Amino acid sequence: MATLQALEAKGFQIEYHSHARAILTHDFPDAILELCAALDVLTIPIEEIVAGGGGEAKGTQRLRRSLSHLGWPKTTFTVRKIINGVEREAVSHIVDHCRTFDAGVVALEIEWNNKDPFFDRDLENFKRLHADGAISVGVLVTRGRSLHGPRDRPTHHPCAPCAKRCWTCTGNPRRSGPQAPRAEVHWDTRDTDVPDQR
């Protein structure tokens, strides 16, 4: 049976923000077991990493199928504001995978190679859904530090020795230079934007 420690030993980077560790370990031990089981069998061959291309990554597709098989379906949450029997506002949030346990709902998003606006949207959705009492905790699966090492740096451009990728090297013909935003997001690029509310 896979554990969080076993995943870390395999190279997974696991981080907790706010009280997520306490919530998961005390209220949702079954969720941890299921997530560990799905991640433990996840493989991402180097050919898939270097191939690139559009659409959803094959590793992401395999993880989605595994989670769906374990009972983590895509879920739409609708929050309605009703005043004196009249609906004034309704907002829907679609979450990649959710699972209801006795203690509440765990929401999970997979953001393997996402762009800033979508990553921010998912974090905001988790925040709103938690505040509305729809979910107890949100889990985000994304690329960690180990997949942003030297093999992610272009070798054909002067910025290759540096730790950052310039916009020109990402192949975007519209904008280049230091004023352009990063092409993709992983946890290290976002962790300063998530307030720690301890």
N, C-alpha and C. Protein backbone atom coordinates (compact mmCIF):
# COMPACT_ATOMS: atom_id res chain seq x y z
N MET A 1 0.85 -1.18 0.00
CA MET A 1 0.00 0.00 0.00
C MET A 1 0.89 1.24 0.00
N ALA A 2 0.65 2.15 -0.94
CA ALA A 2 1.45 3.37 -1.06
C ALA A 2 1.10 4.36 0.06
N THR A 3 2.11 5.07 0.50
CA THR A 3 1.93 6.10 1.51
C THR A 3 2.55 7.39 0.98
N LEU A 4 2.28 8.49 1.67
CA LEU A 4 2.89 9.75 1.27
C LEU A 4 4.41 9.68 1.36
N GLN A 5 4.91 9.00 2.39
CA GLN A 5 6.36 8.86 2.55
C GLN A 5 6.95 8.05 1.38
N ALA A 6 6.22 7.01 0.95
CA ALA A 6 6.69 6.21 -0.18
C ALA A 6 6.71 7.04 -1.46
N LEU A 7 5.72 7.90 -1.64
CA LEU A 7 5.70 8.77 -2.82
C LEU A 7 6.87 9.75 -2.78
N GLU A 8 7.14 10.32 -1.60
CA GLU A 8 8.28 11.24 -1.48
C GLU A 8 9.58 10.52 -1.77
N ALA A 9 9.70 9.27 -1.33
CA ALA A 9 10.90 8.48 -1.61
C ALA A 9 11.06 8.23 -3.11
N LYS A 10 9.94 8.19 -3.84
CA LYS A 10 9.98 8.00 -5.29
C LYS A 10 10.26 9.30 -6.03
N GLY A 11 10.31 10.43 -5.30
CA GLY A 11 10.61 11.70 -5.93
C GLY A 11 9.45 12.67 -6.02
N PHE A 12 8.28 12.30 -5.49
CA PHE A 12 7.16 13.23 -5.49
C PHE A 12 7.43 14.35 -4.50
N GLN A 13 7.04 15.54 -4.87
CA GLN A 13 7.16 16.71 -4.00
C GLN A 13 5.78 16.97 -3.41
N ILE A 14 5.66 16.89 -2.10
CA ILE A 14 4.36 17.07 -1.45
C ILE A 14 4.45 18.27 -0.52
N GLU A 15 3.55 19.22 -0.72
CA GLU A 15 3.53 20.42 0.11
C GLU A 15 2.12 20.64 0.64
N TYR A 16 2.03 21.24 1.80
CA TYR A 16 0.75 21.54 2.43
C TYR A 16 0.69 23.04 2.71
N HIS A 17 -0.47 23.62 2.57
CA HIS A 17 -0.66 25.03 2.89
C HIS A 17 -1.86 25.17 3.80
N SER A 18 -1.78 26.16 4.65
CA SER A 18 -2.78 26.38 5.70
C SER A 18 -2.86 25.12 6.55
N HIS A 19 -4.03 24.58 6.77
CA HIS A 19 -4.18 23.41 7.65
C HIS A 19 -4.45 22.14 6.86
N ALA A 20 -4.01 22.09 5.62
CA ALA A 20 -4.32 20.95 4.75
C ALA A 20 -3.79 19.63 5.31
N ARG A 21 -2.59 19.64 5.89
CA ARG A 21 -2.03 18.38 6.42
C ARG A 21 -2.92 17.82 7.53
N ALA A 22 -3.32 18.67 8.45
CA ALA A 22 -4.16 18.21 9.55
C ALA A 22 -5.52 17.73 9.05
N ILE A 23 -6.10 18.46 8.13
CA ILE A 23 -7.40 18.08 7.59
C ILE A 23 -7.32 16.73 6.89
N LEU A 24 -6.32 16.57 6.03
CA LEU A 24 -6.19 15.31 5.28
C LEU A 24 -5.87 14.13 6.18
N THR A 25 -4.87 14.28 7.05
CA THR A 25 -4.44 13.13 7.85
C THR A 25 -5.46 12.72 8.89
N HIS A 26 -6.18 13.67 9.48
CA HIS A 26 -7.12 13.33 10.55
C HIS A 26 -8.53 13.05 10.04
N ASP A 27 -8.99 13.82 9.07
CA ASP A 27 -10.36 13.67 8.60
C ASP A 27 -10.51 12.82 7.35
N PHE A 28 -9.44 12.71 6.56
CA PHE A 28 -9.55 12.02 5.28
C PHE A 28 -8.43 11.02 5.02
N PRO A 29 -8.17 10.11 5.96
CA PRO A 29 -7.10 9.13 5.72
C PRO A 29 -7.39 8.23 4.52
N ASP A 30 -8.67 7.94 4.25
CA ASP A 30 -9.01 7.12 3.08
C ASP A 30 -8.71 7.86 1.78
N ALA A 31 -8.91 9.17 1.78
CA ALA A 31 -8.58 9.97 0.59
C ALA A 31 -7.09 9.90 0.31
N ILE A 32 -6.28 10.00 1.37
CA ILE A 32 -4.83 9.90 1.19
C ILE A 32 -4.46 8.54 0.60
N LEU A 33 -5.05 7.48 1.12
CA LEU A 33 -4.74 6.14 0.60
C LEU A 33 -5.10 6.01 -0.87
N GLU A 34 -6.27 6.51 -1.25
CA GLU A 34 -6.69 6.43 -2.65
C GLU A 34 -5.80 7.28 -3.56
N LEU A 35 -5.48 8.49 -3.12
CA LEU A 35 -4.62 9.35 -3.93
C LEU A 35 -3.22 8.74 -4.06
N CYS A 36 -2.71 8.21 -2.97
CA CYS A 36 -1.39 7.57 -3.02
C CYS A 36 -1.41 6.37 -3.97
N ALA A 37 -2.49 5.60 -3.94
CA ALA A 37 -2.59 4.43 -4.84
C ALA A 37 -2.58 4.88 -6.30
N ALA A 38 -3.32 5.95 -6.62
CA ALA A 38 -3.37 6.45 -8.00
C ALA A 38 -2.03 7.01 -8.44
N LEU A 39 -1.37 7.75 -7.56
CA LEU A 39 -0.09 8.37 -7.92
C LEU A 39 1.05 7.35 -7.95
N ASP A 40 0.97 6.34 -7.11
CA ASP A 40 2.03 5.34 -7.03
C ASP A 40 2.23 4.60 -8.35
N VAL A 41 1.15 4.36 -9.07
CA VAL A 41 1.26 3.62 -10.33
C VAL A 41 1.43 4.55 -11.53
N LEU A 42 1.40 5.85 -11.30
CA LEU A 42 1.55 6.82 -12.39
C LEU A 42 2.97 6.77 -12.93
N THR A 43 3.10 6.64 -14.21
CA THR A 43 4.41 6.69 -14.86
C THR A 43 4.36 7.75 -15.96
N ILE A 44 5.47 8.43 -16.14
CA ILE A 44 5.58 9.42 -17.20
C ILE A 44 6.90 9.16 -17.92
N PRO A 45 6.85 8.39 -18.99
CA PRO A 45 8.08 8.11 -19.73
C PRO A 45 8.72 9.39 -20.27
N ILE A 46 10.02 9.41 -20.35
CA ILE A 46 10.75 10.59 -20.83
C ILE A 46 10.29 10.99 -22.22
N GLU A 47 9.87 10.03 -23.02
CA GLU A 47 9.39 10.34 -24.38
C GLU A 47 8.18 11.27 -24.32
N GLU A 48 7.33 11.10 -23.32
CA GLU A 48 6.16 11.97 -23.19
C GLU A 48 6.54 13.36 -22.72
N ILE A 49 7.58 13.44 -21.92
CA ILE A 49 8.02 14.75 -21.41
C ILE A 49 8.62 15.57 -22.53
N VAL A 50 9.48 14.97 -23.34
CA VAL A 50 10.16 15.72 -24.39
C VAL A 50 9.31 15.89 -25.64
N ALA A 51 8.27 15.08 -25.82
CA ALA A 51 7.45 15.15 -27.03
C ALA A 51 6.66 16.44 -27.11
N GLY A 52 6.17 16.93 -25.98
CA GLY A 52 5.37 18.15 -25.99
C GLY A 52 4.10 17.96 -26.78
N GLY A 53 3.64 19.05 -27.39
CA GLY A 53 2.43 18.98 -28.21
C GLY A 53 1.23 19.51 -27.47
N GLY A 54 0.16 19.70 -28.20
CA GLY A 54 -1.06 20.24 -27.60
C GLY A 54 -1.90 19.17 -26.95
N GLY A 55 -2.96 19.61 -26.32
CA GLY A 55 -3.87 18.68 -25.68
C GLY A 55 -3.38 18.22 -24.33
N GLU A 56 -4.16 17.37 -23.74
CA GLU A 56 -3.84 16.87 -22.40
C GLU A 56 -2.75 15.81 -22.46
N ALA A 57 -1.78 15.93 -21.56
CA ALA A 57 -0.66 14.98 -21.53
C ALA A 57 -1.17 13.56 -21.25
N LYS A 58 -0.49 12.58 -21.80
CA LYS A 58 -0.90 11.18 -21.62
C LYS A 58 -0.84 10.77 -20.15
N GLY A 59 0.15 11.26 -19.43
CA GLY A 59 0.24 10.97 -17.99
C GLY A 59 -0.96 11.51 -17.24
N THR A 60 -1.41 12.70 -17.62
CA THR A 60 -2.60 13.29 -17.02
C THR A 60 -3.82 12.44 -17.33
N GLN A 61 -3.92 11.98 -18.56
CA GLN A 61 -5.05 11.13 -18.94
C GLN A 61 -5.06 9.84 -18.13
N ARG A 62 -3.89 9.24 -17.93
CA ARG A 62 -3.83 8.00 -17.13
C ARG A 62 -4.24 8.26 -15.69
N LEU A 63 -3.78 9.39 -15.12
CA LEU A 63 -4.15 9.72 -13.75
C LEU A 63 -5.65 9.98 -13.64
N ARG A 64 -6.23 10.67 -14.60
CA ARG A 64 -7.68 10.92 -14.59
C ARG A 64 -8.46 9.61 -14.61
N ARG A 65 -8.05 8.68 -15.47
CA ARG A 65 -8.75 7.39 -15.55
C ARG A 65 -8.63 6.63 -14.23
N SER A 66 -7.45 6.67 -13.63
CA SER A 66 -7.23 5.98 -12.37
C SER A 66 -8.12 6.56 -11.27
N LEU A 67 -8.18 7.89 -11.19
CA LEU A 67 -9.01 8.55 -10.18
C LEU A 67 -10.49 8.28 -10.43
N SER A 68 -10.91 8.32 -11.67
CA SER A 68 -12.31 8.04 -11.99
C SER A 68 -12.68 6.61 -11.58
N HIS A 69 -11.77 5.68 -11.84
CA HIS A 69 -12.00 4.28 -11.46
C HIS A 69 -12.14 4.14 -9.94
N LEU A 70 -11.45 5.00 -9.18
CA LEU A 70 -11.52 4.96 -7.72
C LEU A 70 -12.72 5.73 -7.16
N GLY A 71 -13.54 6.31 -8.05
CA GLY A 71 -14.73 7.02 -7.58
C GLY A 71 -14.54 8.51 -7.39
N TRP A 72 -13.61 9.10 -8.14
CA TRP A 72 -13.37 10.54 -8.09
C TRP A 72 -13.84 11.16 -9.41
N PRO A 73 -15.14 11.41 -9.60
CA PRO A 73 -15.63 11.94 -10.87
C PRO A 73 -15.45 13.45 -10.99
N LYS A 74 -15.57 13.94 -12.22
CA LYS A 74 -15.64 15.39 -12.45
C LYS A 74 -16.95 15.85 -11.82
N THR A 75 -16.93 17.00 -11.15
CA THR A 75 -18.11 17.46 -10.41
C THR A 75 -18.35 18.94 -10.68
N THR A 76 -19.60 19.29 -10.88
CA THR A 76 -19.99 20.69 -11.03
C THR A 76 -20.70 21.13 -9.76
N PHE A 77 -20.19 22.18 -9.14
CA PHE A 77 -20.81 22.78 -7.97
C PHE A 77 -21.54 24.04 -8.42
N THR A 78 -22.78 24.21 -8.00
CA THR A 78 -23.52 25.42 -8.32
C THR A 78 -23.93 26.08 -7.01
N VAL A 79 -23.53 27.33 -6.86
CA VAL A 79 -23.85 28.12 -5.67
C VAL A 79 -24.87 29.16 -6.09
N ARG A 80 -26.05 29.12 -5.45
CA ARG A 80 -27.12 30.04 -5.81
C ARG A 80 -27.39 31.02 -4.67
N LYS A 81 -27.67 32.25 -5.05
CA LYS A 81 -28.05 33.28 -4.08
C LYS A 81 -29.54 33.55 -4.30
N ILE A 82 -30.34 33.26 -3.26
CA ILE A 82 -31.79 33.42 -3.36
C ILE A 82 -32.23 34.43 -2.30
N ILE A 83 -32.95 35.44 -2.75
CA ILE A 83 -33.48 36.46 -1.84
C ILE A 83 -34.99 36.46 -1.95
N ASN A 84 -35.66 36.19 -0.82
CA ASN A 84 -37.13 36.13 -0.78
C ASN A 84 -37.69 35.23 -1.88
N GLY A 85 -37.06 34.08 -2.05
CA GLY A 85 -37.55 33.11 -3.01
C GLY A 85 -37.17 33.37 -4.46
N VAL A 86 -36.46 34.45 -4.72
CA VAL A 86 -36.06 34.78 -6.09
C VAL A 86 -34.56 34.58 -6.23
N GLU A 87 -34.19 33.76 -7.22
CA GLU A 87 -32.76 33.55 -7.46
C GLU A 87 -32.16 34.79 -8.09
N ARG A 88 -31.15 35.34 -7.43
CA ARG A 88 -30.49 36.57 -7.90
C ARG A 88 -29.18 36.30 -8.63
N GLU A 89 -28.57 35.20 -8.25
CA GLU A 89 -27.25 34.93 -8.81
C GLU A 89 -26.96 33.43 -8.68
N ALA A 90 -26.26 32.90 -9.66
CA ALA A 90 -25.82 31.50 -9.59
C ALA A 90 -24.43 31.42 -10.23
N VAL A 91 -23.53 30.75 -9.54
CA VAL A 91 -22.16 30.59 -10.03
C VAL A 91 -21.83 29.10 -10.00
N SER A 92 -21.30 28.61 -11.11
CA SER A 92 -20.91 27.20 -11.19
C SER A 92 -19.40 27.07 -11.19
N HIS A 93 -18.92 26.02 -10.56
CA HIS A 93 -17.50 25.70 -10.53
C HIS A 93 -17.36 24.23 -10.93
N ILE A 94 -16.56 23.97 -11.93
CA ILE A 94 -16.30 22.59 -12.35
C ILE A 94 -14.95 22.18 -11.77
N VAL A 95 -14.94 21.05 -11.09
CA VAL A 95 -13.71 20.54 -10.48
C VAL A 95 -13.39 19.20 -11.13
N ASP A 96 -12.13 19.00 -11.48
CA ASP A 96 -11.71 17.79 -12.20
C ASP A 96 -12.14 16.50 -11.51
N HIS A 97 -11.89 16.41 -10.21
CA HIS A 97 -12.19 15.17 -9.47
C HIS A 97 -12.61 15.52 -8.05
N CYS A 98 -13.70 14.91 -7.59
CA CYS A 98 -14.17 15.10 -6.21
C CYS A 98 -14.58 13.76 -5.64
N ARG A 99 -14.45 13.68 -4.33
CA ARG A 99 -14.86 12.44 -3.66
C ARG A 99 -15.47 12.83 -2.33
N THR A 100 -16.64 12.29 -2.06
CA THR A 100 -17.33 12.56 -0.79
C THR A 100 -17.01 11.44 0.19
N PHE A 101 -16.56 11.84 1.37
CA PHE A 101 -16.27 10.92 2.46
C PHE A 101 -17.19 11.29 3.62
N ASP A 102 -17.19 10.49 4.68
CA ASP A 102 -18.03 10.79 5.85
C ASP A 102 -17.74 12.18 6.41
N ALA A 103 -16.46 12.59 6.37
CA ALA A 103 -16.06 13.87 6.96
C ALA A 103 -16.31 15.06 6.04
N GLY A 104 -16.59 14.82 4.76
CA GLY A 104 -16.80 15.93 3.84
C GLY A 104 -16.31 15.60 2.44
N VAL A 105 -16.02 16.64 1.68
CA VAL A 105 -15.65 16.50 0.27
C VAL A 105 -14.21 16.94 0.05
N VAL A 106 -13.48 16.11 -0.71
CA VAL A 106 -12.12 16.45 -1.13
C VAL A 106 -12.18 16.75 -2.62
N ALA A 107 -11.68 17.91 -3.02
CA ALA A 107 -11.65 18.30 -4.42
C ALA A 107 -10.22 18.21 -4.93
N LEU A 108 -10.06 17.80 -6.18
CA LEU A 108 -8.72 17.64 -6.75
C LEU A 108 -8.70 18.18 -8.17
N GLU A 109 -7.69 18.97 -8.46
CA GLU A 109 -7.44 19.48 -9.81
C GLU A 109 -6.09 18.99 -10.27
N ILE A 110 -5.98 18.63 -11.53
CA ILE A 110 -4.70 18.25 -12.14
C ILE A 110 -4.29 19.39 -13.05
N GLU A 111 -3.18 20.01 -12.75
CA GLU A 111 -2.65 21.13 -13.54
C GLU A 111 -1.23 20.80 -13.96
N TRP A 112 -1.09 19.91 -14.89
CA TRP A 112 0.23 19.41 -15.26
C TRP A 112 1.07 20.47 -15.96
N ASN A 113 0.54 21.12 -16.94
CA ASN A 113 1.31 22.08 -17.74
C ASN A 113 0.43 23.29 -18.01
N ASN A 114 -0.07 23.88 -16.96
CA ASN A 114 -1.10 24.88 -17.09
C ASN A 114 -0.54 26.29 -17.21
N LYS A 115 -1.38 27.18 -17.63
CA LYS A 115 -1.05 28.60 -17.76
C LYS A 115 -1.58 29.35 -16.54
N ASP A 116 -0.98 30.50 -16.26
CA ASP A 116 -1.33 31.29 -15.08
C ASP A 116 -2.82 31.49 -14.85
N PRO A 117 -3.60 31.94 -15.85
CA PRO A 117 -5.02 32.23 -15.57
C PRO A 117 -5.79 31.00 -15.08
N PHE A 118 -5.51 29.83 -15.63
CA PHE A 118 -6.24 28.64 -15.25
C PHE A 118 -5.82 28.16 -13.86
N PHE A 119 -4.53 28.25 -13.58
CA PHE A 119 -4.02 27.87 -12.27
C PHE A 119 -4.65 28.76 -11.19
N ASP A 120 -4.65 30.06 -11.44
CA ASP A 120 -5.26 31.02 -10.50
C ASP A 120 -6.75 30.75 -10.33
N ARG A 121 -7.42 30.43 -11.45
CA ARG A 121 -8.85 30.13 -11.39
C ARG A 121 -9.13 28.95 -10.47
N ASP A 122 -8.31 27.90 -10.60
CA ASP A 122 -8.52 26.71 -9.78
C ASP A 122 -8.30 27.01 -8.30
N LEU A 123 -7.26 27.78 -7.98
CA LEU A 123 -7.02 28.15 -6.58
C LEU A 123 -8.17 28.98 -6.03
N GLU A 124 -8.67 29.91 -6.84
CA GLU A 124 -9.80 30.74 -6.40
C GLU A 124 -11.06 29.89 -6.22
N ASN A 125 -11.28 28.94 -7.12
CA ASN A 125 -12.44 28.05 -6.98
C ASN A 125 -12.37 27.27 -5.67
N PHE A 126 -11.19 26.72 -5.36
CA PHE A 126 -11.03 26.00 -4.09
C PHE A 126 -11.36 26.91 -2.92
N LYS A 127 -10.85 28.13 -2.98
CA LYS A 127 -11.06 29.08 -1.89
C LYS A 127 -12.56 29.39 -1.71
N ARG A 128 -13.26 29.65 -2.83
CA ARG A 128 -14.69 29.96 -2.76
C ARG A 128 -15.50 28.76 -2.29
N LEU A 129 -15.19 27.59 -2.86
CA LEU A 129 -15.95 26.39 -2.50
C LEU A 129 -15.75 26.02 -1.03
N HIS A 130 -14.54 26.24 -0.52
CA HIS A 130 -14.29 25.98 0.90
C HIS A 130 -15.07 26.98 1.76
N ALA A 131 -15.02 28.25 1.37
CA ALA A 131 -15.74 29.28 2.14
C ALA A 131 -17.24 29.03 2.13
N ASP A 132 -17.76 28.48 1.04
CA ASP A 132 -19.20 28.18 0.95
C ASP A 132 -19.57 26.86 1.60
N GLY A 133 -18.58 26.12 2.10
CA GLY A 133 -18.85 24.85 2.77
C GLY A 133 -19.05 23.68 1.82
N ALA A 134 -18.72 23.87 0.54
CA ALA A 134 -18.93 22.81 -0.44
C ALA A 134 -17.82 21.76 -0.39
N ILE A 135 -16.59 22.19 -0.07
CA ILE A 135 -15.47 21.24 0.04
C ILE A 135 -14.76 21.46 1.36
N SER A 136 -14.10 20.41 1.82
CA SER A 136 -13.32 20.51 3.06
C SER A 136 -11.88 20.86 2.78
N VAL A 137 -11.36 20.36 1.67
CA VAL A 137 -9.96 20.60 1.32
C VAL A 137 -9.80 20.42 -0.18
N GLY A 138 -8.82 21.14 -0.74
CA GLY A 138 -8.51 21.02 -2.16
C GLY A 138 -7.11 20.47 -2.34
N VAL A 139 -6.96 19.60 -3.34
CA VAL A 139 -5.66 19.00 -3.66
C VAL A 139 -5.32 19.39 -5.09
N LEU A 140 -4.09 19.82 -5.30
CA LEU A 140 -3.63 20.21 -6.62
C LEU A 140 -2.46 19.33 -7.01
N VAL A 141 -2.58 18.63 -8.12
CA VAL A 141 -1.50 17.79 -8.63
C VAL A 141 -0.87 18.54 -9.80
N THR A 142 0.42 18.85 -9.69
CA THR A 142 1.12 19.58 -10.74
C THR A 142 2.57 19.12 -10.79
N ARG A 143 3.30 19.65 -11.74
CA ARG A 143 4.71 19.29 -11.85
C ARG A 143 5.49 19.90 -10.69
N GLY A 144 6.46 19.16 -10.19
CA GLY A 144 7.30 19.65 -9.11
C GLY A 144 8.66 20.10 -9.63
N ARG A 145 9.52 20.42 -8.71
CA ARG A 145 10.86 20.94 -9.03
C ARG A 145 11.67 20.01 -9.92
N SER A 146 11.57 18.70 -9.68
CA SER A 146 12.43 17.76 -10.41
C SER A 146 12.16 17.75 -11.91
N LEU A 147 10.99 18.20 -12.33
CA LEU A 147 10.69 18.25 -13.77
C LEU A 147 10.95 19.62 -14.37
N HIS A 148 11.62 20.48 -13.62
CA HIS A 148 11.98 21.80 -14.12
C HIS A 148 13.47 22.02 -14.00
N GLY A 149 14.22 20.98 -14.20
CA GLY A 149 15.67 21.05 -14.14
C GLY A 149 16.27 21.30 -15.50
N PRO A 150 17.52 20.89 -15.70
CA PRO A 150 18.24 21.18 -16.94
C PRO A 150 17.54 20.69 -18.20
N ARG A 151 16.82 19.59 -18.18
CA ARG A 151 16.21 19.11 -19.42
C ARG A 151 15.08 20.02 -19.87
N ASP A 152 14.63 20.95 -18.99
CA ASP A 152 13.57 21.87 -19.36
C ASP A 152 14.12 23.16 -19.95
N ARG A 153 15.43 23.32 -19.92
CA ARG A 153 16.04 24.55 -20.43
C ARG A 153 16.44 24.37 -21.88
N PRO A 154 16.14 25.34 -22.71
CA PRO A 154 16.55 25.23 -24.11
C PRO A 154 18.06 25.34 -24.22
N THR A 155 18.63 24.69 -25.21
CA THR A 155 20.08 24.74 -25.39
C THR A 155 20.47 25.59 -26.59
N HIS A 156 19.50 26.08 -27.34
CA HIS A 156 19.78 26.82 -28.56
C HIS A 156 19.73 28.33 -28.37
N HIS A 157 19.63 28.80 -27.17
CA HIS A 157 19.43 30.22 -26.91
C HIS A 157 20.37 30.67 -25.80
N PRO A 158 20.79 31.94 -25.80
CA PRO A 158 21.72 32.42 -24.77
C PRO A 158 21.23 32.26 -23.33
N CYS A 159 19.92 32.11 -23.11
CA CYS A 159 19.44 32.00 -21.74
C CYS A 159 19.55 30.57 -21.21
N ALA A 160 20.05 29.63 -22.02
CA ALA A 160 20.11 28.22 -21.62
C ALA A 160 20.79 28.01 -20.26
N PRO A 161 21.88 28.70 -19.94
CA PRO A 161 22.52 28.44 -18.65
C PRO A 161 21.71 28.93 -17.44
N CYS A 162 20.78 29.84 -17.67
CA CYS A 162 20.05 30.37 -16.51
C CYS A 162 18.92 29.44 -16.11
N ALA A 163 18.36 29.68 -14.95
CA ALA A 163 17.32 28.81 -14.40
C ALA A 163 15.94 29.13 -14.96
N LYS A 164 15.79 30.25 -15.64
CA LYS A 164 14.47 30.64 -16.13
C LYS A 164 14.40 30.47 -17.65
N ARG A 165 13.21 30.18 -18.12
CA ARG A 165 13.00 30.09 -19.56
C ARG A 165 12.47 31.42 -20.03
N CYS A 166 13.06 31.95 -21.10
CA CYS A 166 12.52 33.20 -21.63
C CYS A 166 11.36 32.87 -22.56
N TRP A 167 10.54 33.85 -22.82
CA TRP A 167 9.35 33.65 -23.64
C TRP A 167 9.74 33.24 -25.06
N THR A 168 10.84 33.77 -25.56
CA THR A 168 11.29 33.42 -26.90
C THR A 168 11.52 31.92 -27.02
N CYS A 169 12.11 31.31 -25.98
CA CYS A 169 12.44 29.89 -26.03
C CYS A 169 11.23 28.99 -25.94
N THR A 170 10.10 29.52 -25.54
CA THR A 170 8.92 28.67 -25.45
C THR A 170 8.25 28.53 -26.80
N GLY A 171 8.73 29.28 -27.80
CA GLY A 171 8.18 29.15 -29.13
C GLY A 171 7.00 30.06 -29.40
N ASN A 172 6.70 31.00 -28.50
CA ASN A 172 5.59 31.91 -28.73
C ASN A 172 6.08 33.04 -29.61
N PRO A 173 5.57 33.16 -30.84
CA PRO A 173 6.09 34.16 -31.76
C PRO A 173 5.59 35.58 -31.49
N ARG A 174 4.59 35.73 -30.63
CA ARG A 174 3.99 37.04 -30.44
C ARG A 174 4.78 37.95 -29.52
N ARG A 175 5.31 37.40 -28.41
CA ARG A 175 5.99 38.24 -27.43
C ARG A 175 7.28 37.56 -27.01
N SER A 176 8.26 38.37 -26.72
CA SER A 176 9.50 37.81 -26.19
C SER A 176 10.13 38.83 -25.27
N GLY A 177 11.13 38.39 -24.55
CA GLY A 177 11.85 39.27 -23.66
C GLY A 177 11.38 39.17 -22.23
N PRO A 178 12.02 39.94 -21.34
CA PRO A 178 11.73 39.82 -19.91
C PRO A 178 10.34 40.31 -19.51
N GLN A 179 9.69 41.14 -20.34
CA GLN A 179 8.37 41.64 -19.98
C GLN A 179 7.28 40.60 -20.19
N ALA A 180 7.57 39.53 -20.92
CA ALA A 180 6.56 38.52 -21.22
C ALA A 180 6.38 37.58 -20.04
N PRO A 181 5.17 37.12 -19.82
CA PRO A 181 4.92 36.19 -18.70
C PRO A 181 5.47 34.81 -18.98
N ARG A 182 5.62 34.02 -17.92
CA ARG A 182 6.05 32.63 -18.08
C ARG A 182 5.00 31.88 -18.88
N ALA A 183 5.47 30.93 -19.67
CA ALA A 183 4.57 30.18 -20.53
C ALA A 183 3.76 29.14 -19.76
N GLU A 184 4.32 28.57 -18.72
CA GLU A 184 3.59 27.57 -17.97
C GLU A 184 3.84 27.73 -16.49
N VAL A 185 3.04 27.01 -15.73
CA VAL A 185 3.07 27.16 -14.28
C VAL A 185 3.33 25.80 -13.65
N HIS A 186 4.09 25.80 -12.60
CA HIS A 186 4.21 24.64 -11.72
C HIS A 186 4.23 25.21 -10.31
N TRP A 187 4.21 24.36 -9.30
CA TRP A 187 4.00 24.86 -7.95
C TRP A 187 5.02 25.90 -7.53
N ASP A 188 6.31 25.76 -7.89
CA ASP A 188 7.32 26.72 -7.46
C ASP A 188 7.05 28.12 -7.98
N THR A 189 6.37 28.24 -9.13
CA THR A 189 6.11 29.57 -9.66
C THR A 189 4.92 30.22 -8.98
N ARG A 190 4.12 29.47 -8.20
CA ARG A 190 2.91 30.00 -7.61
C ARG A 190 2.94 30.05 -6.09
N ASP A 191 3.88 29.38 -5.44
CA ASP A 191 3.76 29.23 -3.99
C ASP A 191 3.80 30.54 -3.24
N THR A 192 4.38 31.60 -3.79
CA THR A 192 4.38 32.87 -3.08
C THR A 192 3.03 33.57 -3.19
N ASP A 193 2.18 33.13 -4.14
CA ASP A 193 0.87 33.74 -4.30
C ASP A 193 -0.19 33.14 -3.40
N VAL A 194 0.12 32.01 -2.76
CA VAL A 194 -0.85 31.34 -1.90
C VAL A 194 -0.58 31.76 -0.47
N PRO A 195 -1.50 32.52 0.12
CA PRO A 195 -1.26 32.97 1.50
C PRO A 195 -1.28 31.81 2.48
N ASP A 196 -0.34 31.81 3.38
CA ASP A 196 -0.30 30.80 4.43
C ASP A 196 -1.08 31.35 5.61
N GLN A 197 -2.20 30.73 5.92
CA GLN A 197 -3.10 31.29 6.93
C GLN A 197 -3.00 30.55 8.24
N ARG A 198 -1.79 30.22 8.68
CA ARG A 198 -1.63 29.51 9.96
C ARG A 198 -1.95 30.38 11.13
